[in-house]
Amino acid sequence: MKTDPICGMKGTIKAHGHYFCSQNCIEKYEKQNNIKHCLSCHVKGAHHPWYKEKIFIVGFITIAIIILAYFFSEKLFEAFVDYFKLIWWAILIGLFIGGIIDHLIPNQYISKYLSKHKKITIVYAVVFGFLMSACSHGILAISMELYKKGASIAAVIAFLLSSPWANLPITILLFSFFGAKALLLVLAAIVIAAITGLIYQILEKNKMIEQSKNIANVDESFSIRKDIKKRWKKYEFNFDNNAETVKGVLKGSWALAKMVVWWILIGMILASFARAFVPTEIFHQFLGPTLLGLFITLIIATIIEVCSEGSSPLAFELYSQTGAFGNSFVFLMAGVATDYTEIGLIWSNIGKKAAIWLPIVTVPQIVLVGILFNILL
């Protein structure tokens, strides 16, 4: 297993003296290095049969489970359909934005703001996360693309944590549920994202986690504004160029989908089983404003977190039933920090150390804030 020189993922396909993760990355390498001939066309392993792709394997298993559920378990079927209705658009938006980043945003742009080991880098990451409009599963696709484009691991983690609960659409949704108290949820999420990003910078500096190999070297005098103007003047708006741009964006989105979607499907299936077969009464009975209730909430949030838009009403229902505002925060934030989908993606695409440190760093902060909210509110 070697590192892909294009995306930084683990590569198994040998070509041009490197190891690549896919044919798409081989083609990008050839384009960047002006290799005119398709030397990779006959590279062993460059073209995997479609049925060996993880996205299709997990997809077929998911379809089989849902078909069986339709005939034998109405609750499981309805749970999956409900989750699908909640997140399908977020996934598509995330993949589309990821495709745009992949095809149109040069590595230098990302590296300019999100690659340096400075405190301001974490601020940029949190701000960018706040401005995003995708939920947690949409953000997964975008954050992995940012990492591939040169963002530091610390910046990616801060971006990932700040987006699902502190972005503009969710802020509006939370205020509709919790009123002015929603501001506390948003501010707490931003603070935890920033603190976690800063801790990851320390971990990265001391080589306690993996080192990002995707960071592009950027001249300090490099101006993104001037570069955009230069590219805009050179671009010719005609059918061929526009079609090529659309094709490039869709190609980048599909490459990203193959990396992300199968993880999301696994998360949806597990969450559907939890909703279908765990009695609702148990959730209400054991999720009160006590230390035990808070830790049980933490465990449940790890299991059933699916999407910010879907989890926000559940968090409000938890608050209205128990009055435990801290539990609601833990339910929202811990789902992001401990979700097996996100940890799995970080593990497989960034590194196992970075994945293991995520709950270690975030969970104590989340629990502490939850306890304070239960005591003070």
Foldseek 3Di string as FASTA:
>chain_A
DFAQLQQRFDFDFDDPNGGHPELVSVVVVCVVVVPPDPPCPPGPPRDDDPCPQLLNVLVVVLVVVLVVCVVPNVLLNVLLVVLCVVAVVLQVVLLLVLLCCQQPPALQVLLLQAADLDLNSLVVLLVVLQADDHALLSLLLVLSSSLSSAGWLLSSQLSNQLRHCRHDVNLVVLCVQPNPCSVVLNVLSNVLSSVSSNVVSVCQVVVVFDGRPNHDDDDPPDDPVVVVVVVVVPDDDDDVSVVVSVVSSVVSSVVSCSLAVSLLSVLSSQLSCCSRPPDPVVLLVQQAQDLRNLVVLLVVLQRNDRTSVVLSVVLSVSCVSHVQNLSSSSSRNSNSQNHPSSLVSCCNGPHNSSSVVSCVSRVVSSSVSSNVSSVPD
